[in-house]
Amino acid sequence: MMKTLQLRIQVNAYSTETELSAPEQTLLERAREATYQAYAPYSRFHVGAAVLLDDGTIFTANNQENAAFPSGSCAEQSAIFWIGANHPERKILSIAVVARPGDDRIFKPVSPCGACRQALLEYEHRQKQPIRLLMLQPGGGVLAMNAIADLLPVKFDADDLFDRA
């Protein structure tokens, strides 16, 4: 018998960035700054990510394109893979993602692509602790999700690879 299941996620919408904690405001600012170091000569879509670790350290990264598309790297993956390789003992508390098209100084709302969502989900699963995601929202303000798993409600993770019974 067919049943309809309803999935629910929670997204917090803040009218302004000033409603966020000081560390989260800093995280968004650092993500904005990271867009200026992006290497995006093909798409001209500069993405910055800033990651807050459990020791208070913030790491930033940006997208790095390649003429042999899709050999480049998204900002989110650049950040978390570097952290995983260099600080595997640290937990990621939150990540902010922003974009800046062209040479504009105007930032655009953007959410992680599918590949980045899966990569972030892997780190969330690995550390057994949610990662908070901050994104700008259209018209201003900030959207915050308290877990990456909310981006992929019907997810695939390491638990699906092995029979845990």
N, C-alpha and C. Protein backbone atom coordinates (compact mmCIF):
# COMPACT_ATOMS: atom_id res chain seq x y z
N MET A 1 0.83 -1.18 0.00
CA MET A 1 0.00 0.00 0.00
C MET A 1 0.88 1.25 0.00
N MET A 2 0.59 2.15 -0.89
CA MET A 2 1.34 3.39 -1.00
C MET A 2 0.97 4.33 0.14
N LYS A 3 2.00 4.94 0.74
CA LYS A 3 1.81 5.95 1.77
C LYS A 3 2.55 7.20 1.34
N THR A 4 2.02 8.33 1.70
CA THR A 4 2.70 9.58 1.44
C THR A 4 3.40 10.01 2.72
N LEU A 5 4.69 10.22 2.61
CA LEU A 5 5.47 10.69 3.74
C LEU A 5 5.75 12.17 3.57
N GLN A 6 5.72 12.88 4.64
CA GLN A 6 5.97 14.32 4.57
C GLN A 6 7.30 14.60 5.27
N LEU A 7 8.21 15.27 4.57
CA LEU A 7 9.50 15.63 5.12
C LEU A 7 9.45 17.07 5.59
N ARG A 8 10.09 17.32 6.74
CA ARG A 8 10.10 18.67 7.28
C ARG A 8 11.53 19.08 7.57
N ILE A 9 11.84 20.30 7.21
CA ILE A 9 13.13 20.87 7.57
C ILE A 9 12.88 22.22 8.23
N GLN A 10 13.86 22.67 8.96
CA GLN A 10 13.75 23.96 9.62
C GLN A 10 14.79 24.90 9.05
N VAL A 11 14.35 26.06 8.62
CA VAL A 11 15.24 27.10 8.12
C VAL A 11 14.91 28.36 8.91
N ASN A 12 15.92 28.93 9.54
CA ASN A 12 15.72 30.17 10.28
C ASN A 12 16.02 31.34 9.35
N ALA A 13 15.11 32.28 9.26
CA ALA A 13 15.29 33.45 8.41
C ALA A 13 15.48 34.68 9.29
N TYR A 14 16.64 35.31 9.14
CA TYR A 14 16.96 36.52 9.89
C TYR A 14 16.80 37.71 8.96
N SER A 15 16.15 38.75 9.43
CA SER A 15 15.92 39.95 8.60
C SER A 15 17.22 40.67 8.28
N THR A 16 18.11 40.69 9.24
CA THR A 16 19.41 41.34 9.03
C THR A 16 20.50 40.49 9.66
N GLU A 17 21.71 40.73 9.23
CA GLU A 17 22.85 40.00 9.78
C GLU A 17 23.09 40.35 11.24
N THR A 18 22.63 41.52 11.67
CA THR A 18 22.86 41.93 13.05
C THR A 18 22.10 41.05 14.05
N GLU A 19 21.15 40.27 13.56
CA GLU A 19 20.44 39.33 14.43
C GLU A 19 21.27 38.09 14.74
N LEU A 20 22.34 37.88 13.99
CA LEU A 20 23.22 36.74 14.20
C LEU A 20 24.18 37.03 15.34
N SER A 21 24.79 35.99 15.87
CA SER A 21 25.83 36.17 16.88
C SER A 21 27.04 36.86 16.24
N ALA A 22 27.89 37.44 17.05
CA ALA A 22 29.09 38.11 16.53
C ALA A 22 29.97 37.14 15.73
N PRO A 23 30.21 35.90 16.21
CA PRO A 23 31.03 34.99 15.40
C PRO A 23 30.39 34.67 14.04
N GLU A 24 29.07 34.57 13.98
CA GLU A 24 28.42 34.29 12.70
C GLU A 24 28.48 35.48 11.77
N GLN A 25 28.39 36.70 12.31
CA GLN A 25 28.55 37.89 11.49
C GLN A 25 29.95 37.92 10.90
N THR A 26 30.94 37.59 11.71
CA THR A 26 32.33 37.53 11.24
C THR A 26 32.49 36.47 10.17
N LEU A 27 31.83 35.33 10.36
CA LEU A 27 31.91 34.24 9.38
C LEU A 27 31.40 34.70 8.02
N LEU A 28 30.28 35.39 7.98
CA LEU A 28 29.75 35.90 6.72
C LEU A 28 30.70 36.92 6.08
N GLU A 29 31.26 37.79 6.90
CA GLU A 29 32.19 38.78 6.37
C GLU A 29 33.42 38.12 5.78
N ARG A 30 33.93 37.10 6.44
CA ARG A 30 35.11 36.38 5.95
C ARG A 30 34.78 35.63 4.65
N ALA A 31 33.56 35.11 4.53
CA ALA A 31 33.14 34.45 3.29
C ALA A 31 33.09 35.47 2.15
N ARG A 32 32.59 36.66 2.44
CA ARG A 32 32.57 37.72 1.42
C ARG A 32 33.99 38.04 0.96
N GLU A 33 34.88 38.22 1.93
CA GLU A 33 36.28 38.54 1.60
C GLU A 33 36.89 37.45 0.73
N ALA A 34 36.55 36.21 1.01
CA ALA A 34 37.13 35.08 0.26
C ALA A 34 36.75 35.11 -1.21
N THR A 35 35.62 35.73 -1.55
CA THR A 35 35.22 35.78 -2.97
C THR A 35 36.23 36.54 -3.81
N TYR A 36 36.96 37.47 -3.20
CA TYR A 36 37.91 38.29 -3.95
C TYR A 36 39.19 37.53 -4.31
N GLN A 37 39.37 36.35 -3.75
CA GLN A 37 40.52 35.51 -4.08
C GLN A 37 40.13 34.35 -4.99
N ALA A 38 38.84 34.27 -5.34
CA ALA A 38 38.38 33.18 -6.20
C ALA A 38 39.04 33.27 -7.57
N TYR A 39 39.25 32.11 -8.17
CA TYR A 39 39.76 32.04 -9.53
C TYR A 39 38.60 31.57 -10.40
N ALA A 40 37.91 32.54 -11.01
CA ALA A 40 36.70 32.24 -11.76
C ALA A 40 36.69 32.96 -13.11
N PRO A 41 37.71 32.74 -13.95
CA PRO A 41 37.76 33.45 -15.22
C PRO A 41 36.73 32.96 -16.23
N TYR A 42 36.15 31.80 -16.03
CA TYR A 42 35.21 31.23 -17.01
C TYR A 42 33.77 31.57 -16.65
N SER A 43 33.37 31.31 -15.43
CA SER A 43 31.99 31.60 -15.03
C SER A 43 31.84 33.04 -14.55
N ARG A 44 32.93 33.63 -14.07
CA ARG A 44 32.90 34.96 -13.44
C ARG A 44 31.91 34.97 -12.26
N PHE A 45 31.75 33.83 -11.63
CA PHE A 45 30.88 33.67 -10.47
C PHE A 45 31.78 33.30 -9.29
N HIS A 46 32.08 34.30 -8.46
CA HIS A 46 33.05 34.17 -7.38
C HIS A 46 32.34 33.73 -6.10
N VAL A 47 32.71 32.57 -5.60
CA VAL A 47 32.07 32.02 -4.40
C VAL A 47 33.10 31.96 -3.28
N GLY A 48 32.66 32.37 -2.08
CA GLY A 48 33.51 32.30 -0.90
C GLY A 48 32.83 31.49 0.18
N ALA A 49 33.63 30.76 0.92
CA ALA A 49 33.14 29.99 2.06
C ALA A 49 34.02 30.29 3.25
N ALA A 50 33.42 30.36 4.41
CA ALA A 50 34.15 30.52 5.66
C ALA A 50 33.63 29.46 6.63
N VAL A 51 34.56 28.77 7.28
CA VAL A 51 34.22 27.66 8.16
C VAL A 51 34.69 27.98 9.58
N LEU A 52 33.79 27.82 10.55
CA LEU A 52 34.12 28.01 11.96
C LEU A 52 34.35 26.65 12.60
N LEU A 53 35.53 26.48 13.19
CA LEU A 53 35.86 25.22 13.86
C LEU A 53 35.57 25.31 15.36
N ASP A 54 35.57 24.17 16.00
CA ASP A 54 35.24 24.10 17.43
C ASP A 54 36.25 24.79 18.33
N ASP A 55 37.42 25.13 17.83
CA ASP A 55 38.40 25.87 18.63
C ASP A 55 38.33 27.38 18.37
N GLY A 56 37.33 27.80 17.57
CA GLY A 56 37.14 29.22 17.27
C GLY A 56 37.87 29.70 16.02
N THR A 57 38.69 28.84 15.43
CA THR A 57 39.42 29.21 14.21
C THR A 57 38.47 29.29 13.03
N ILE A 58 38.70 30.27 12.18
CA ILE A 58 37.93 30.41 10.94
C ILE A 58 38.88 30.19 9.76
N PHE A 59 38.51 29.29 8.87
CA PHE A 59 39.24 29.07 7.63
C PHE A 59 38.35 29.50 6.48
N THR A 60 38.97 30.07 5.45
CA THR A 60 38.21 30.49 4.28
C THR A 60 38.75 29.78 3.04
N ALA A 61 37.91 29.74 2.03
CA ALA A 61 38.29 29.19 0.73
C ALA A 61 37.36 29.79 -0.31
N ASN A 62 37.66 29.51 -1.56
CA ASN A 62 36.85 30.04 -2.66
C ASN A 62 36.89 29.06 -3.81
N ASN A 63 36.07 29.32 -4.81
CA ASN A 63 36.05 28.42 -5.96
C ASN A 63 37.30 28.64 -6.81
N GLN A 64 37.76 27.55 -7.38
CA GLN A 64 38.95 27.55 -8.23
C GLN A 64 38.58 26.81 -9.52
N GLU A 65 38.41 27.57 -10.60
CA GLU A 65 37.98 26.97 -11.86
C GLU A 65 39.16 26.44 -12.66
N ASN A 66 38.83 25.70 -13.70
CA ASN A 66 39.84 25.10 -14.57
C ASN A 66 39.27 25.06 -15.98
N ALA A 67 40.11 25.30 -16.97
CA ALA A 67 39.66 25.27 -18.36
C ALA A 67 39.12 23.90 -18.74
N ALA A 68 39.61 22.86 -18.09
CA ALA A 68 39.12 21.50 -18.33
C ALA A 68 37.94 21.24 -17.40
N PHE A 69 36.88 22.01 -17.62
CA PHE A 69 35.68 21.91 -16.79
C PHE A 69 35.17 20.46 -16.79
N PRO A 70 34.79 19.86 -15.70
CA PRO A 70 34.58 20.42 -14.35
C PRO A 70 35.71 20.12 -13.38
N SER A 71 36.93 20.27 -13.79
CA SER A 71 38.07 19.93 -12.94
C SER A 71 38.32 20.91 -11.81
N GLY A 72 37.57 21.95 -11.71
CA GLY A 72 37.76 22.93 -10.65
C GLY A 72 37.24 22.44 -9.31
N SER A 73 37.22 23.35 -8.36
CA SER A 73 36.78 23.02 -7.02
C SER A 73 35.88 24.12 -6.47
N CYS A 74 34.78 23.73 -5.88
CA CYS A 74 33.87 24.68 -5.25
C CYS A 74 34.49 25.22 -3.96
N ALA A 75 34.04 26.37 -3.52
CA ALA A 75 34.55 26.99 -2.30
C ALA A 75 34.34 26.10 -1.08
N GLU A 76 33.15 25.53 -0.97
CA GLU A 76 32.82 24.71 0.20
C GLU A 76 33.72 23.49 0.28
N GLN A 77 33.89 22.80 -0.86
CA GLN A 77 34.74 21.62 -0.86
C GLN A 77 36.20 21.99 -0.62
N SER A 78 36.66 23.08 -1.21
CA SER A 78 38.04 23.51 -0.98
C SER A 78 38.28 23.69 0.52
N ALA A 79 37.34 24.32 1.20
CA ALA A 79 37.48 24.58 2.64
C ALA A 79 37.46 23.31 3.47
N ILE A 80 36.43 22.49 3.30
CA ILE A 80 36.30 21.34 4.20
C ILE A 80 37.34 20.26 3.91
N PHE A 81 37.75 20.10 2.65
CA PHE A 81 38.77 19.11 2.34
C PHE A 81 40.12 19.53 2.94
N TRP A 82 40.42 20.82 2.89
CA TRP A 82 41.67 21.30 3.49
C TRP A 82 41.64 21.07 5.00
N ILE A 83 40.52 21.39 5.61
CA ILE A 83 40.39 21.17 7.06
C ILE A 83 40.51 19.69 7.39
N GLY A 84 39.84 18.84 6.63
CA GLY A 84 39.91 17.41 6.86
C GLY A 84 41.32 16.86 6.72
N ALA A 85 42.09 17.42 5.79
CA ALA A 85 43.45 16.95 5.56
C ALA A 85 44.44 17.49 6.60
N ASN A 86 44.18 18.69 7.10
CA ASN A 86 45.14 19.33 7.99
C ASN A 86 44.72 19.41 9.45
N HIS A 87 43.45 19.30 9.71
CA HIS A 87 42.93 19.38 11.08
C HIS A 87 41.82 18.35 11.30
N PRO A 88 42.09 17.07 11.06
CA PRO A 88 41.03 16.06 11.16
C PRO A 88 40.44 15.92 12.56
N GLU A 89 41.16 16.40 13.57
CA GLU A 89 40.67 16.31 14.95
C GLU A 89 39.65 17.40 15.28
N ARG A 90 39.55 18.42 14.46
CA ARG A 90 38.64 19.54 14.71
C ARG A 90 37.25 19.24 14.19
N LYS A 91 36.26 19.80 14.84
CA LYS A 91 34.88 19.68 14.37
C LYS A 91 34.47 20.99 13.72
N ILE A 92 33.70 20.88 12.64
CA ILE A 92 33.18 22.05 11.95
C ILE A 92 31.86 22.43 12.62
N LEU A 93 31.78 23.65 13.14
CA LEU A 93 30.55 24.11 13.78
C LEU A 93 29.59 24.72 12.76
N SER A 94 30.14 25.56 11.87
CA SER A 94 29.28 26.21 10.89
C SER A 94 30.08 26.62 9.67
N ILE A 95 29.33 26.87 8.60
CA ILE A 95 29.92 27.32 7.34
C ILE A 95 29.02 28.39 6.74
N ALA A 96 29.64 29.45 6.23
CA ALA A 96 28.91 30.51 5.53
C ALA A 96 29.33 30.46 4.06
N VAL A 97 28.36 30.62 3.17
CA VAL A 97 28.62 30.58 1.73
C VAL A 97 27.98 31.81 1.09
N VAL A 98 28.79 32.55 0.32
CA VAL A 98 28.27 33.71 -0.41
C VAL A 98 28.85 33.72 -1.82
N ALA A 99 28.21 34.46 -2.70
CA ALA A 99 28.67 34.56 -4.09
C ALA A 99 28.64 36.00 -4.55
N ARG A 100 29.50 36.27 -5.52
CA ARG A 100 29.60 37.61 -6.10
C ARG A 100 29.78 37.43 -7.60
N PRO A 101 28.74 37.75 -8.39
CA PRO A 101 28.86 37.59 -9.84
C PRO A 101 29.69 38.70 -10.47
N GLY A 102 30.49 38.32 -11.45
CA GLY A 102 31.27 39.31 -12.20
C GLY A 102 32.21 40.10 -11.32
N ASP A 103 32.36 41.37 -11.66
CA ASP A 103 33.23 42.25 -10.89
C ASP A 103 32.44 43.09 -9.90
N ASP A 104 31.17 42.80 -9.76
CA ASP A 104 30.33 43.55 -8.85
C ASP A 104 30.79 43.39 -7.41
N ARG A 105 30.42 44.34 -6.60
CA ARG A 105 30.66 44.27 -5.17
C ARG A 105 29.35 43.92 -4.45
N ILE A 106 28.40 43.46 -5.24
CA ILE A 106 27.09 43.07 -4.69
C ILE A 106 27.09 41.56 -4.54
N PHE A 107 26.71 41.10 -3.37
CA PHE A 107 26.72 39.68 -3.07
C PHE A 107 25.35 39.07 -3.32
N LYS A 108 25.38 37.86 -3.81
CA LYS A 108 24.16 37.19 -4.25
C LYS A 108 23.89 35.97 -3.36
N PRO A 109 22.62 35.71 -3.05
CA PRO A 109 22.29 34.49 -2.31
C PRO A 109 22.64 33.26 -3.14
N VAL A 110 23.21 32.28 -2.48
CA VAL A 110 23.57 31.03 -3.14
C VAL A 110 23.57 29.93 -2.09
N SER A 111 23.17 28.75 -2.51
CA SER A 111 23.26 27.60 -1.61
C SER A 111 24.25 26.61 -2.21
N PRO A 112 24.78 25.70 -1.41
CA PRO A 112 25.74 24.73 -1.94
C PRO A 112 25.14 23.88 -3.06
N CYS A 113 25.96 23.56 -4.04
CA CYS A 113 25.52 22.69 -5.13
C CYS A 113 25.34 21.27 -4.58
N GLY A 114 24.83 20.38 -5.39
CA GLY A 114 24.58 19.01 -4.95
C GLY A 114 25.83 18.29 -4.49
N ALA A 115 26.94 18.45 -5.22
CA ALA A 115 28.19 17.79 -4.83
C ALA A 115 28.69 18.33 -3.50
N CYS A 116 28.56 19.64 -3.28
CA CYS A 116 29.00 20.23 -2.02
C CYS A 116 28.09 19.78 -0.87
N ARG A 117 26.81 19.68 -1.13
CA ARG A 117 25.90 19.19 -0.10
C ARG A 117 26.31 17.80 0.36
N GLN A 118 26.63 16.93 -0.61
CA GLN A 118 27.04 15.57 -0.27
C GLN A 118 28.36 15.58 0.50
N ALA A 119 29.32 16.40 0.08
CA ALA A 119 30.61 16.47 0.77
C ALA A 119 30.43 17.01 2.19
N LEU A 120 29.62 18.04 2.35
CA LEU A 120 29.36 18.58 3.68
C LEU A 120 28.65 17.55 4.56
N LEU A 121 27.72 16.81 3.97
CA LEU A 121 27.01 15.77 4.71
C LEU A 121 27.99 14.71 5.22
N GLU A 122 28.99 14.38 4.42
CA GLU A 122 30.00 13.39 4.83
C GLU A 122 30.73 13.87 6.10
N TYR A 123 31.10 15.16 6.13
CA TYR A 123 31.79 15.68 7.30
C TYR A 123 30.87 15.75 8.51
N GLU A 124 29.62 16.08 8.28
CA GLU A 124 28.65 16.10 9.38
C GLU A 124 28.50 14.69 9.96
N HIS A 125 28.40 13.70 9.09
CA HIS A 125 28.27 12.31 9.52
C HIS A 125 29.54 11.86 10.24
N ARG A 126 30.68 12.22 9.67
CA ARG A 126 31.99 11.84 10.23
C ARG A 126 32.20 12.37 11.64
N GLN A 127 31.78 13.60 11.86
CA GLN A 127 31.99 14.20 13.19
C GLN A 127 30.83 13.97 14.15
N LYS A 128 29.78 13.33 13.65
CA LYS A 128 28.61 13.01 14.49
C LYS A 128 28.06 14.24 15.22
N GLN A 129 28.04 15.33 14.47
CA GLN A 129 27.56 16.60 15.01
C GLN A 129 27.11 17.48 13.85
N PRO A 130 25.97 18.14 13.97
CA PRO A 130 25.48 18.97 12.87
C PRO A 130 26.42 20.14 12.54
N ILE A 131 26.36 20.55 11.30
CA ILE A 131 27.07 21.73 10.82
C ILE A 131 26.02 22.76 10.45
N ARG A 132 26.10 23.93 11.04
CA ARG A 132 25.15 25.01 10.74
C ARG A 132 25.59 25.69 9.44
N LEU A 133 24.62 25.97 8.58
CA LEU A 133 24.88 26.59 7.28
C LEU A 133 24.24 27.97 7.24
N LEU A 134 25.04 28.98 6.88
CA LEU A 134 24.55 30.35 6.73
C LEU A 134 24.62 30.75 5.27
N MET A 135 23.52 31.30 4.76
CA MET A 135 23.44 31.75 3.37
C MET A 135 22.70 33.08 3.35
N LEU A 136 23.06 33.94 2.43
CA LEU A 136 22.29 35.17 2.24
C LEU A 136 20.94 34.79 1.65
N GLN A 137 19.93 35.61 1.91
CA GLN A 137 18.63 35.34 1.31
C GLN A 137 18.26 36.46 0.35
N PRO A 138 17.45 36.15 -0.66
CA PRO A 138 17.04 37.19 -1.60
C PRO A 138 16.39 38.36 -0.87
N GLY A 139 16.74 39.57 -1.25
CA GLY A 139 16.15 40.75 -0.64
C GLY A 139 16.82 41.15 0.66
N GLY A 140 17.86 40.45 1.06
CA GLY A 140 18.58 40.79 2.29
C GLY A 140 18.32 39.79 3.39
N GLY A 141 19.11 39.90 4.42
CA GLY A 141 18.98 38.98 5.53
C GLY A 141 19.76 37.69 5.30
N VAL A 142 19.54 36.75 6.21
CA VAL A 142 20.31 35.51 6.21
C VAL A 142 19.39 34.33 6.45
N LEU A 143 19.65 33.25 5.74
CA LEU A 143 18.99 31.97 6.01
C LEU A 143 19.98 31.09 6.75
N ALA A 144 19.52 30.41 7.79
CA ALA A 144 20.38 29.51 8.55
C ALA A 144 19.70 28.16 8.69
N MET A 145 20.47 27.13 8.38
CA MET A 145 19.99 25.77 8.57
C MET A 145 20.87 25.16 9.66
N ASN A 146 20.27 24.46 10.59
CA ASN A 146 21.01 23.93 11.73
C ASN A 146 21.72 22.62 11.45
N ALA A 147 21.52 22.05 10.27
CA ALA A 147 22.18 20.79 9.92
C ALA A 147 22.23 20.66 8.40
N ILE A 148 23.35 20.17 7.90
CA ILE A 148 23.50 19.91 6.47
C ILE A 148 22.52 18.84 6.03
N ALA A 149 22.23 17.89 6.91
CA ALA A 149 21.29 16.81 6.57
C ALA A 149 19.94 17.37 6.13
N ASP A 150 19.59 18.58 6.59
CA ASP A 150 18.33 19.20 6.17
C ASP A 150 18.34 19.54 4.68
N LEU A 151 19.53 19.73 4.11
CA LEU A 151 19.63 20.00 2.67
C LEU A 151 19.39 18.74 1.84
N LEU A 152 19.60 17.58 2.46
CA LEU A 152 19.45 16.29 1.79
C LEU A 152 18.58 15.38 2.66
N PRO A 153 17.29 15.68 2.75
CA PRO A 153 16.45 14.91 3.67
C PRO A 153 16.35 13.42 3.33
N VAL A 154 16.52 13.06 2.09
CA VAL A 154 16.58 11.65 1.70
C VAL A 154 18.03 11.44 1.28
N LYS A 155 18.88 11.21 2.26
CA LYS A 155 20.32 11.27 2.05
C LYS A 155 20.95 9.89 1.86
N PHE A 156 22.18 9.93 1.36
CA PHE A 156 23.03 8.75 1.24
C PHE A 156 24.29 9.05 2.02
N ASP A 157 24.59 8.22 3.03
CA ASP A 157 25.82 8.41 3.79
C ASP A 157 26.47 7.06 4.08
N ALA A 158 27.52 7.08 4.86
CA ALA A 158 28.30 5.87 5.12
C ALA A 158 27.46 4.74 5.72
N ASP A 159 26.41 5.08 6.45
CA ASP A 159 25.55 4.04 7.02
C ASP A 159 24.88 3.21 5.94
N ASP A 160 24.70 3.79 4.75
CA ASP A 160 24.06 3.06 3.65
C ASP A 160 25.01 2.07 2.97
N LEU A 161 26.30 2.18 3.21
CA LEU A 161 27.28 1.31 2.57
C LEU A 161 27.41 -0.06 3.24
N PHE A 162 27.07 -0.10 4.50
CA PHE A 162 27.32 -1.32 5.26
C PHE A 162 26.03 -1.80 5.95
N ASP A 163 25.91 -3.08 6.08
CA ASP A 163 24.79 -3.66 6.80
C ASP A 163 25.07 -3.55 8.29
N ARG A 164 24.38 -2.68 8.96
CA ARG A 164 24.62 -2.41 10.37
C ARG A 164 23.77 -3.31 11.29
N ALA A 165 22.99 -4.21 10.70
CA ALA A 165 22.10 -5.05 11.51
C ALA A 165 22.84 -6.13 12.27
